[in-house]
N, C-alpha and C. Protein backbone atom coordinates (compact mmCIF):
# COMPACT_ATOMS: atom_id res chain seq x y z
N MET A 1 -9.16 14.05 9.15
CA MET A 1 -8.81 12.67 8.91
C MET A 1 -9.96 11.98 8.22
N ALA A 2 -9.68 10.88 7.59
CA ALA A 2 -10.76 10.18 6.91
C ALA A 2 -11.18 8.97 7.64
N GLU A 3 -11.49 9.14 8.96
CA GLU A 3 -11.93 8.05 9.84
C GLU A 3 -13.09 7.33 9.33
N ASP A 4 -14.02 8.07 8.60
CA ASP A 4 -15.28 7.38 8.16
C ASP A 4 -15.02 6.43 7.03
N ILE A 5 -13.79 6.32 6.49
CA ILE A 5 -13.51 5.32 5.48
C ILE A 5 -12.86 4.17 6.08
N GLN A 6 -13.62 3.15 6.32
CA GLN A 6 -13.14 1.94 6.97
C GLN A 6 -14.15 0.80 6.66
N SER A 7 -13.77 -0.36 7.14
CA SER A 7 -14.55 -1.54 6.91
C SER A 7 -15.93 -1.38 7.63
N PRO A 8 -17.06 -1.66 6.98
CA PRO A 8 -18.31 -1.51 7.63
C PRO A 8 -18.52 -2.38 8.77
N ASP A 9 -17.95 -3.55 8.78
CA ASP A 9 -18.09 -4.45 9.85
C ASP A 9 -16.93 -4.47 10.80
N GLY A 10 -16.04 -3.57 10.61
CA GLY A 10 -14.83 -3.42 11.47
C GLY A 10 -13.73 -4.43 11.31
N LEU A 11 -13.92 -5.38 10.43
CA LEU A 11 -12.95 -6.43 10.09
C LEU A 11 -12.09 -6.02 8.91
N SER A 12 -10.80 -5.90 9.13
CA SER A 12 -9.91 -5.47 8.02
C SER A 12 -8.54 -5.99 8.34
N VAL A 13 -7.70 -5.95 7.31
CA VAL A 13 -6.26 -6.26 7.43
C VAL A 13 -5.45 -5.05 7.11
N ILE A 14 -4.33 -4.88 7.73
CA ILE A 14 -3.41 -3.77 7.44
C ILE A 14 -2.17 -4.29 6.73
N GLY A 15 -1.93 -3.75 5.61
CA GLY A 15 -0.81 -4.23 4.88
C GLY A 15 -0.02 -3.00 4.38
N TRP A 16 1.12 -3.27 3.67
CA TRP A 16 2.00 -2.22 3.11
C TRP A 16 2.00 -2.26 1.60
N ARG A 17 2.16 -1.06 1.03
CA ARG A 17 2.29 -0.96 -0.46
C ARG A 17 2.97 0.31 -0.84
N ALA A 18 3.34 0.33 -2.08
CA ALA A 18 4.02 1.51 -2.60
C ALA A 18 3.07 2.12 -3.70
N TRP A 19 3.05 3.45 -3.78
CA TRP A 19 2.27 4.10 -4.84
C TRP A 19 3.21 5.12 -5.53
N ARG A 20 2.84 5.47 -6.79
CA ARG A 20 3.47 6.58 -7.46
C ARG A 20 2.46 7.77 -7.34
N VAL A 21 2.93 8.99 -7.39
CA VAL A 21 2.00 10.12 -7.28
C VAL A 21 1.98 10.88 -8.55
N GLU A 22 0.86 11.19 -9.01
CA GLU A 22 0.55 12.07 -10.14
C GLU A 22 -0.27 13.24 -9.63
N PHE A 23 -0.23 14.36 -10.32
CA PHE A 23 -1.00 15.41 -9.94
C PHE A 23 -2.13 15.73 -10.91
N ASP A 24 -3.33 16.05 -10.47
CA ASP A 24 -4.46 16.39 -11.37
C ASP A 24 -4.94 17.74 -10.81
N CYS A 25 -4.73 18.78 -11.56
CA CYS A 25 -5.13 20.12 -11.23
C CYS A 25 -4.48 20.53 -9.81
N GLY A 26 -3.25 20.11 -9.62
CA GLY A 26 -2.53 20.43 -8.42
C GLY A 26 -2.83 19.52 -7.17
N VAL A 27 -3.70 18.57 -7.39
CA VAL A 27 -4.08 17.65 -6.30
C VAL A 27 -3.31 16.30 -6.47
N PRO A 28 -2.56 15.83 -5.47
CA PRO A 28 -1.89 14.59 -5.67
C PRO A 28 -2.86 13.40 -5.67
N ILE A 29 -2.64 12.48 -6.60
CA ILE A 29 -3.41 11.24 -6.70
C ILE A 29 -2.48 10.04 -6.62
N LEU A 30 -2.76 9.10 -5.69
CA LEU A 30 -1.98 7.91 -5.65
C LEU A 30 -2.31 6.93 -6.75
N HIS A 31 -1.31 6.34 -7.34
CA HIS A 31 -1.50 5.39 -8.45
C HIS A 31 -0.81 4.02 -8.09
N SER A 32 -1.37 2.93 -8.40
CA SER A 32 -0.66 1.63 -8.20
C SER A 32 0.57 1.61 -9.05
N MET A 33 1.54 0.88 -8.57
CA MET A 33 2.81 0.75 -9.19
C MET A 33 2.75 -0.17 -10.48
N GLY A 34 2.09 -1.27 -10.39
CA GLY A 34 2.09 -2.25 -11.42
C GLY A 34 1.36 -2.01 -12.64
N PHE A 35 0.24 -1.22 -12.48
CA PHE A 35 -0.58 -0.89 -13.68
C PHE A 35 -1.37 0.36 -13.37
N GLU A 36 -2.06 0.89 -14.34
CA GLU A 36 -2.74 2.11 -14.16
C GLU A 36 -3.97 1.98 -13.40
N PHE A 37 -3.96 2.40 -12.11
CA PHE A 37 -5.14 2.35 -11.20
C PHE A 37 -4.95 3.43 -10.23
N ALA A 38 -5.93 4.38 -10.24
CA ALA A 38 -5.87 5.57 -9.29
C ALA A 38 -6.65 5.23 -8.05
N TRP A 39 -5.97 5.47 -6.89
CA TRP A 39 -6.65 5.31 -5.58
C TRP A 39 -7.30 6.65 -5.25
N PRO A 40 -8.67 6.65 -5.22
CA PRO A 40 -9.40 7.89 -5.08
C PRO A 40 -9.15 8.47 -3.64
N ALA A 41 -9.22 9.76 -3.56
CA ALA A 41 -9.07 10.45 -2.28
C ALA A 41 -10.46 10.56 -1.62
N ARG A 42 -10.49 10.29 -0.31
CA ARG A 42 -11.68 10.38 0.49
C ARG A 42 -12.81 9.44 0.22
N GLU A 43 -12.44 8.36 -0.51
CA GLU A 43 -13.41 7.23 -0.73
C GLU A 43 -12.58 5.96 -0.96
N PRO A 44 -13.15 4.81 -0.65
CA PRO A 44 -12.42 3.53 -0.75
C PRO A 44 -12.07 3.23 -2.22
N ALA A 45 -10.93 2.68 -2.38
CA ALA A 45 -10.61 2.11 -3.70
C ALA A 45 -11.35 0.78 -3.81
N VAL A 46 -11.84 0.50 -4.97
CA VAL A 46 -12.67 -0.77 -5.18
C VAL A 46 -12.01 -1.57 -6.33
N ALA A 47 -11.69 -2.82 -6.03
CA ALA A 47 -11.10 -3.68 -7.04
C ALA A 47 -12.13 -4.10 -8.03
N GLU A 48 -11.76 -4.19 -9.27
CA GLU A 48 -12.62 -4.58 -10.33
C GLU A 48 -11.95 -5.68 -11.15
N CYS A 49 -12.74 -6.60 -11.66
CA CYS A 49 -12.23 -7.71 -12.52
C CYS A 49 -13.33 -8.13 -13.44
N LEU A 50 -12.94 -8.21 -14.74
CA LEU A 50 -13.97 -8.68 -15.73
C LEU A 50 -14.28 -10.12 -15.55
N THR A 51 -13.29 -10.95 -15.05
CA THR A 51 -13.54 -12.37 -14.85
C THR A 51 -14.32 -12.64 -13.58
N CYS A 52 -13.98 -12.03 -12.45
CA CYS A 52 -14.61 -12.34 -11.18
C CYS A 52 -15.81 -11.56 -10.92
N GLY A 53 -16.07 -10.42 -11.65
CA GLY A 53 -17.27 -9.67 -11.43
C GLY A 53 -17.45 -9.19 -9.96
N ASP A 54 -18.63 -9.43 -9.41
CA ASP A 54 -18.90 -9.03 -8.03
C ASP A 54 -18.17 -9.88 -6.93
N GLU A 55 -17.45 -10.95 -7.36
CA GLU A 55 -16.75 -11.75 -6.37
C GLU A 55 -15.27 -11.46 -6.38
N THR A 56 -14.85 -10.29 -6.68
CA THR A 56 -13.46 -9.89 -6.69
C THR A 56 -12.94 -9.65 -5.29
N PRO A 57 -11.80 -10.22 -4.96
CA PRO A 57 -10.98 -11.11 -5.73
C PRO A 57 -11.29 -12.56 -5.43
N ARG A 58 -10.88 -13.41 -6.28
CA ARG A 58 -11.03 -14.84 -6.12
C ARG A 58 -9.63 -15.46 -5.92
N GLN A 59 -9.53 -16.58 -5.25
CA GLN A 59 -8.27 -17.23 -5.03
C GLN A 59 -7.46 -17.61 -6.34
N LYS A 60 -8.25 -18.03 -7.33
CA LYS A 60 -7.60 -18.44 -8.62
C LYS A 60 -7.53 -17.35 -9.64
N CYS A 61 -7.63 -16.17 -9.23
CA CYS A 61 -7.39 -15.03 -10.12
C CYS A 61 -6.30 -14.12 -9.57
N SER A 62 -5.84 -13.16 -10.29
CA SER A 62 -4.78 -12.23 -9.81
C SER A 62 -5.38 -10.88 -9.49
N CYS A 63 -6.69 -10.80 -9.48
CA CYS A 63 -7.26 -9.41 -9.25
C CYS A 63 -7.26 -9.01 -7.77
N GLY A 64 -7.58 -7.83 -7.55
CA GLY A 64 -7.73 -7.32 -6.10
C GLY A 64 -6.70 -6.19 -5.87
N LEU A 65 -6.92 -5.52 -4.74
CA LEU A 65 -5.98 -4.46 -4.28
C LEU A 65 -4.89 -5.16 -3.44
N TYR A 66 -3.71 -5.08 -3.89
CA TYR A 66 -2.62 -5.85 -3.21
C TYR A 66 -2.00 -5.05 -2.05
N SER A 67 -1.52 -5.75 -1.01
CA SER A 67 -0.75 -5.20 0.02
C SER A 67 0.15 -6.33 0.54
N ALA A 68 1.35 -5.92 1.00
CA ALA A 68 2.30 -6.82 1.58
C ALA A 68 2.03 -6.92 3.02
N SER A 69 2.40 -8.05 3.65
CA SER A 69 2.09 -8.29 5.03
C SER A 69 2.99 -7.44 5.99
N SER A 70 4.10 -7.03 5.50
CA SER A 70 4.99 -6.14 6.38
C SER A 70 5.84 -5.28 5.42
N TYR A 71 6.46 -4.27 6.04
CA TYR A 71 7.33 -3.42 5.23
C TYR A 71 8.52 -4.23 4.71
N GLY A 72 8.99 -5.12 5.49
CA GLY A 72 10.11 -6.07 5.06
C GLY A 72 9.72 -6.83 3.81
N ARG A 73 8.43 -7.35 3.83
CA ARG A 73 7.98 -8.10 2.65
C ARG A 73 7.85 -7.20 1.47
N LEU A 74 7.38 -5.99 1.57
CA LEU A 74 7.29 -5.06 0.48
C LEU A 74 8.64 -4.86 -0.10
N LEU A 75 9.66 -4.62 0.75
CA LEU A 75 11.01 -4.38 0.18
C LEU A 75 11.51 -5.68 -0.52
N SER A 76 11.20 -6.90 -0.03
CA SER A 76 11.64 -8.14 -0.63
C SER A 76 10.97 -8.40 -2.00
N MET A 77 9.87 -7.68 -2.29
CA MET A 77 9.15 -7.95 -3.48
C MET A 77 9.63 -7.05 -4.62
N GLY A 78 10.59 -6.24 -4.37
CA GLY A 78 11.31 -5.51 -5.43
C GLY A 78 10.59 -4.18 -5.82
N TYR A 79 9.77 -3.63 -5.05
CA TYR A 79 9.12 -2.37 -5.35
C TYR A 79 10.16 -1.30 -5.32
N PRO A 80 10.24 -0.41 -6.26
CA PRO A 80 11.23 0.66 -6.15
C PRO A 80 10.68 1.68 -5.17
N LEU A 81 11.63 2.13 -4.27
CA LEU A 81 11.21 3.03 -3.23
C LEU A 81 11.89 4.42 -3.41
N HIS A 82 12.41 4.59 -4.61
CA HIS A 82 13.06 5.87 -4.84
C HIS A 82 12.58 6.48 -6.21
N ASP A 83 13.13 7.54 -6.58
CA ASP A 83 12.72 8.27 -7.78
C ASP A 83 13.09 7.53 -9.01
N VAL A 84 12.18 6.78 -9.54
CA VAL A 84 12.43 6.01 -10.80
C VAL A 84 11.78 6.83 -11.94
N ASP A 85 12.52 7.04 -12.99
CA ASP A 85 11.88 7.85 -14.11
C ASP A 85 11.26 9.12 -13.64
N ARG A 86 11.87 9.68 -12.59
CA ARG A 86 11.37 11.04 -12.13
C ARG A 86 9.93 10.96 -11.57
N GLU A 87 9.52 9.84 -11.16
CA GLU A 87 8.22 9.71 -10.51
C GLU A 87 8.33 9.96 -9.02
N LEU A 88 7.31 10.48 -8.43
CA LEU A 88 7.35 10.69 -6.97
C LEU A 88 6.69 9.47 -6.34
N LEU A 89 7.32 8.91 -5.39
CA LEU A 89 6.89 7.61 -4.72
C LEU A 89 6.53 7.83 -3.28
N VAL A 90 5.52 7.05 -2.88
CA VAL A 90 5.07 7.00 -1.48
C VAL A 90 4.93 5.54 -1.07
N VAL A 91 5.29 5.32 0.17
CA VAL A 91 5.10 4.00 0.82
C VAL A 91 4.17 4.18 1.99
N GLY A 92 3.28 3.21 2.25
CA GLY A 92 2.39 3.36 3.30
C GLY A 92 1.67 2.09 3.69
N GLN A 93 0.92 2.25 4.72
CA GLN A 93 0.07 1.18 5.20
C GLN A 93 -1.31 1.43 4.57
N VAL A 94 -2.00 0.30 4.21
CA VAL A 94 -3.27 0.35 3.63
C VAL A 94 -4.19 -0.51 4.39
N GLU A 95 -5.40 -0.01 4.70
CA GLU A 95 -6.43 -0.94 5.37
C GLU A 95 -7.24 -1.51 4.27
N SER A 96 -7.41 -2.84 4.32
CA SER A 96 -8.10 -3.54 3.30
C SER A 96 -9.25 -4.36 3.94
N TRP A 97 -10.36 -4.45 3.21
CA TRP A 97 -11.56 -5.16 3.73
C TRP A 97 -12.46 -5.74 2.59
N GLY A 98 -13.56 -6.23 3.00
CA GLY A 98 -14.50 -6.83 2.03
C GLY A 98 -14.00 -8.31 1.85
N ARG A 99 -14.05 -8.75 0.63
CA ARG A 99 -13.46 -10.10 0.29
C ARG A 99 -11.97 -9.89 0.30
N VAL A 100 -11.26 -10.69 1.17
CA VAL A 100 -9.82 -10.59 1.22
C VAL A 100 -9.29 -12.07 0.96
N VAL A 101 -8.27 -12.08 0.10
CA VAL A 101 -7.63 -13.40 -0.23
C VAL A 101 -6.18 -13.31 0.34
N ARG A 102 -5.77 -14.27 1.10
CA ARG A 102 -4.49 -14.27 1.68
C ARG A 102 -3.40 -14.92 0.77
N GLY A 103 -2.29 -14.35 0.73
CA GLY A 103 -1.18 -14.91 -0.03
C GLY A 103 -1.22 -14.52 -1.51
N PHE A 104 -0.05 -14.21 -2.07
CA PHE A 104 0.07 -13.93 -3.43
C PHE A 104 1.57 -13.85 -3.82
N GLY A 105 1.91 -13.87 -5.00
CA GLY A 105 3.26 -13.66 -5.49
C GLY A 105 4.27 -14.57 -4.99
N ARG A 106 5.53 -14.13 -5.09
CA ARG A 106 6.67 -14.93 -4.63
C ARG A 106 7.67 -13.98 -4.04
N SER A 107 8.43 -14.50 -3.08
CA SER A 107 9.51 -13.76 -2.43
C SER A 107 10.87 -14.19 -3.06
N GLN A 108 11.82 -13.31 -3.11
CA GLN A 108 13.16 -13.73 -3.58
C GLN A 108 13.80 -14.70 -2.59
N HIS A 109 13.20 -14.85 -1.39
CA HIS A 109 13.70 -15.73 -0.35
C HIS A 109 12.94 -17.10 -0.35
N GLY A 110 12.13 -17.30 -1.32
CA GLY A 110 11.43 -18.59 -1.40
C GLY A 110 10.15 -18.62 -0.62
N PRO A 111 9.55 -19.86 -0.40
CA PRO A 111 8.34 -20.00 0.27
C PRO A 111 8.43 -19.69 1.70
N GLY A 112 7.32 -19.36 2.35
CA GLY A 112 7.31 -18.99 3.72
C GLY A 112 5.96 -18.39 4.11
N PRO A 113 5.93 -17.63 5.14
CA PRO A 113 4.64 -17.00 5.56
C PRO A 113 4.10 -16.15 4.38
N THR A 114 2.84 -15.87 4.50
CA THR A 114 2.14 -15.12 3.45
C THR A 114 2.87 -13.79 3.15
N LEU A 115 2.89 -13.52 1.83
CA LEU A 115 3.52 -12.27 1.44
C LEU A 115 2.52 -11.09 1.60
N GLY A 116 1.29 -11.38 1.71
CA GLY A 116 0.21 -10.38 1.95
C GLY A 116 -1.11 -10.72 1.55
N TRP A 117 -1.90 -9.71 0.95
CA TRP A 117 -3.27 -9.94 0.68
C TRP A 117 -3.71 -9.26 -0.63
N ARG A 118 -4.79 -9.74 -1.17
CA ARG A 118 -5.52 -9.04 -2.28
C ARG A 118 -6.95 -8.84 -1.69
N ALA A 119 -7.44 -7.61 -1.82
CA ALA A 119 -8.71 -7.32 -1.17
C ALA A 119 -9.67 -6.61 -2.18
N GLN A 120 -10.92 -6.56 -1.76
CA GLN A 120 -11.99 -5.99 -2.56
C GLN A 120 -11.97 -4.44 -2.37
N PHE A 121 -11.71 -4.00 -1.16
CA PHE A 121 -11.78 -2.50 -0.83
C PHE A 121 -10.48 -2.15 -0.10
N GLY A 122 -10.03 -0.89 -0.22
CA GLY A 122 -8.89 -0.47 0.52
C GLY A 122 -8.78 1.04 0.48
N TYR A 123 -8.04 1.57 1.57
CA TYR A 123 -7.77 2.95 1.68
C TYR A 123 -6.46 3.16 2.40
N PRO A 124 -5.65 4.12 2.04
CA PRO A 124 -4.40 4.42 2.76
C PRO A 124 -4.66 4.70 4.20
N LYS A 125 -3.89 4.16 5.07
CA LYS A 125 -4.01 4.36 6.52
C LYS A 125 -3.01 5.38 7.01
N ARG A 126 -1.79 5.28 6.50
CA ARG A 126 -0.69 6.30 6.78
C ARG A 126 0.36 6.16 5.68
N MET A 127 0.97 7.27 5.38
CA MET A 127 1.93 7.29 4.26
C MET A 127 3.29 7.91 4.71
N PHE A 128 4.29 7.42 3.95
CA PHE A 128 5.60 7.93 4.25
C PHE A 128 6.31 8.33 2.95
N VAL A 129 6.96 9.45 2.96
CA VAL A 129 7.70 9.97 1.80
C VAL A 129 9.15 10.20 2.18
N LEU A 130 10.03 10.17 1.19
CA LEU A 130 11.36 10.46 1.38
C LEU A 130 11.58 11.93 1.81
N HIS A 131 12.66 12.17 2.53
CA HIS A 131 12.92 13.59 2.99
C HIS A 131 13.01 14.54 1.79
N GLU A 132 13.56 14.08 0.63
CA GLU A 132 13.61 15.03 -0.50
C GLU A 132 12.25 15.25 -1.16
N SER A 133 11.29 14.45 -0.69
CA SER A 133 9.91 14.70 -1.26
C SER A 133 9.06 15.36 -0.22
N TRP A 134 9.65 16.22 0.61
CA TRP A 134 8.90 16.93 1.66
C TRP A 134 7.69 17.67 1.20
N GLU A 135 7.73 18.14 0.00
CA GLU A 135 6.66 18.97 -0.55
C GLU A 135 5.38 18.20 -0.72
N LEU A 136 5.43 16.83 -0.63
CA LEU A 136 4.26 16.05 -0.74
C LEU A 136 3.46 15.83 0.58
N VAL A 137 4.06 16.19 1.66
CA VAL A 137 3.53 15.90 3.00
C VAL A 137 2.13 16.53 3.12
N VAL A 138 2.07 17.82 3.08
CA VAL A 138 0.84 18.61 3.25
C VAL A 138 -0.22 18.28 2.18
N PRO A 139 0.15 18.32 0.88
CA PRO A 139 -0.90 18.01 -0.13
C PRO A 139 -1.48 16.57 0.00
N LEU A 140 -0.67 15.59 0.30
CA LEU A 140 -1.16 14.24 0.47
C LEU A 140 -2.11 14.19 1.67
N ARG A 141 -1.67 14.73 2.84
CA ARG A 141 -2.52 14.77 3.98
C ARG A 141 -3.82 15.46 3.76
N GLU A 142 -3.82 16.60 3.04
CA GLU A 142 -5.04 17.28 2.76
C GLU A 142 -5.94 16.46 1.81
N ALA A 143 -5.36 15.83 0.79
CA ALA A 143 -6.13 15.17 -0.21
C ALA A 143 -6.71 13.82 0.43
N TYR A 144 -5.93 13.05 1.18
CA TYR A 144 -6.38 11.78 1.67
C TYR A 144 -6.92 11.72 3.12
N GLY A 145 -6.62 12.79 3.85
CA GLY A 145 -7.11 12.95 5.23
C GLY A 145 -6.39 11.90 6.16
N GLN A 146 -5.11 11.52 5.86
CA GLN A 146 -4.42 10.50 6.66
C GLN A 146 -3.06 11.05 6.94
N PRO A 147 -2.39 10.54 7.97
CA PRO A 147 -1.04 10.98 8.34
C PRO A 147 -0.04 10.72 7.21
N VAL A 148 0.81 11.67 6.97
CA VAL A 148 1.90 11.58 6.05
C VAL A 148 3.19 12.08 6.77
N LEU A 149 4.18 11.26 6.77
CA LEU A 149 5.45 11.58 7.47
C LEU A 149 6.64 11.36 6.54
N MET A 150 7.71 12.09 6.83
CA MET A 150 8.95 11.92 6.11
C MET A 150 9.75 10.83 6.83
N ARG A 151 10.43 10.00 6.02
CA ARG A 151 11.08 8.89 6.55
C ARG A 151 12.23 8.37 5.65
N ASP A 152 13.32 7.85 6.21
CA ASP A 152 14.34 7.26 5.37
C ASP A 152 13.84 5.80 5.02
N LEU A 153 13.27 5.72 3.88
CA LEU A 153 12.63 4.45 3.51
C LEU A 153 13.68 3.37 3.18
N PHE A 154 14.91 3.71 3.11
CA PHE A 154 15.98 2.80 2.71
C PHE A 154 16.66 2.13 3.90
N ALA A 155 16.32 2.54 5.09
CA ALA A 155 16.99 2.09 6.33
C ALA A 155 16.98 0.52 6.42
N ASP A 156 15.96 -0.18 5.93
CA ASP A 156 15.85 -1.60 6.03
C ASP A 156 16.07 -2.35 4.71
N GLU A 157 16.43 -1.59 3.65
CA GLU A 157 16.61 -2.17 2.33
C GLU A 157 17.81 -3.15 2.33
N GLY A 158 17.70 -4.26 1.66
CA GLY A 158 18.74 -5.21 1.58
C GLY A 158 18.90 -6.14 2.75
N ARG A 159 17.92 -6.16 3.64
CA ARG A 159 17.91 -7.07 4.75
C ARG A 159 17.84 -8.54 4.36
N GLU A 160 18.55 -9.41 5.05
CA GLU A 160 18.50 -10.83 4.70
C GLU A 160 17.19 -11.51 5.06
N ASP A 161 16.72 -11.21 6.15
CA ASP A 161 15.45 -11.90 6.69
C ASP A 161 14.29 -11.00 6.62
N THR A 162 13.47 -11.11 5.56
CA THR A 162 12.29 -10.33 5.43
C THR A 162 11.08 -10.81 6.25
N THR A 163 11.25 -11.98 6.97
CA THR A 163 10.11 -12.47 7.75
C THR A 163 10.08 -11.81 9.10
N LYS A 164 11.16 -11.12 9.50
CA LYS A 164 11.13 -10.42 10.84
C LYS A 164 10.76 -8.95 10.58
N PRO A 165 10.03 -8.39 11.51
CA PRO A 165 9.65 -7.02 11.36
C PRO A 165 10.82 -6.03 11.26
N THR A 166 10.66 -5.04 10.38
CA THR A 166 11.60 -4.02 10.25
C THR A 166 11.45 -2.97 11.32
N GLN A 167 12.32 -1.99 11.40
CA GLN A 167 12.21 -0.87 12.41
C GLN A 167 10.86 -0.13 12.08
N LEU A 168 10.56 0.09 10.82
CA LEU A 168 9.32 0.83 10.43
C LEU A 168 8.08 0.00 10.85
N ASP A 169 8.06 -1.33 10.65
CA ASP A 169 6.99 -2.16 11.12
C ASP A 169 6.77 -2.05 12.56
N GLU A 170 7.86 -2.18 13.37
CA GLU A 170 7.73 -2.08 14.89
C GLU A 170 7.25 -0.75 15.30
N GLU A 171 7.64 0.32 14.64
CA GLU A 171 7.20 1.66 15.05
C GLU A 171 5.73 1.88 14.81
N TRP A 172 5.10 1.25 13.81
CA TRP A 172 3.78 1.58 13.43
C TRP A 172 2.75 0.50 13.62
N ASN A 173 3.16 -0.73 13.87
CA ASN A 173 2.09 -1.83 14.01
C ASN A 173 1.09 -1.62 15.07
N ASP A 174 1.46 -1.20 16.17
CA ASP A 174 0.49 -1.05 17.22
C ASP A 174 -0.10 0.33 17.47
N ARG A 175 0.00 1.25 16.48
CA ARG A 175 -0.52 2.57 16.61
C ARG A 175 -1.98 2.63 16.17
C-alpha cells in the first residue's frame, strides 16, 4: 500500500473522481478525464497553474485537482462511467490536501451543497472498475499501491436526489 502518500499535516478531504487508463510499457497510468494530466503512481499528483503559480488553486481560478463531494455528485456531473471511445475507465476516492478550495462547477439539479473541491495535491485512495474490466484490478493495485475492486458503477446512475449518499458512498465513507 502507498500509506506514506498522504497529507503531511494529516488534514485532507476525501472526494470522488473518474479517470481514464492508459498503459505505458504495460503499466497502467491514471489520466484526468477533462484534459491531459497523468496522475503519477507512488507519488502525489501536484496541481500546476501558470496564473496562480505557487498558490494553486485560487478561488477565482479554475485550476487544481478536482474531486466531487460524493459518488452521487460525481454521477450528477456527467462523467462517463463506461467504455467511451474504447477507453478504460476507473472511478475512485481521492485524498486531497495542501491548498484546498471548496465548491466548483454546477449540478444539473441547480444550486445546493458543494459539488466538491479543487486541491493542490492528491492521490487515489481506492479505485473501482467495472466487472468487464477485471484485468485492471491487479495492475492498478500494483502500480498505485491502493485497493482496487470490481463494482457495478451504474447501480446509482440516474438517481433524482444527488445530495443524499449513494450505496457506494455509504459502503466506503467510514472505512
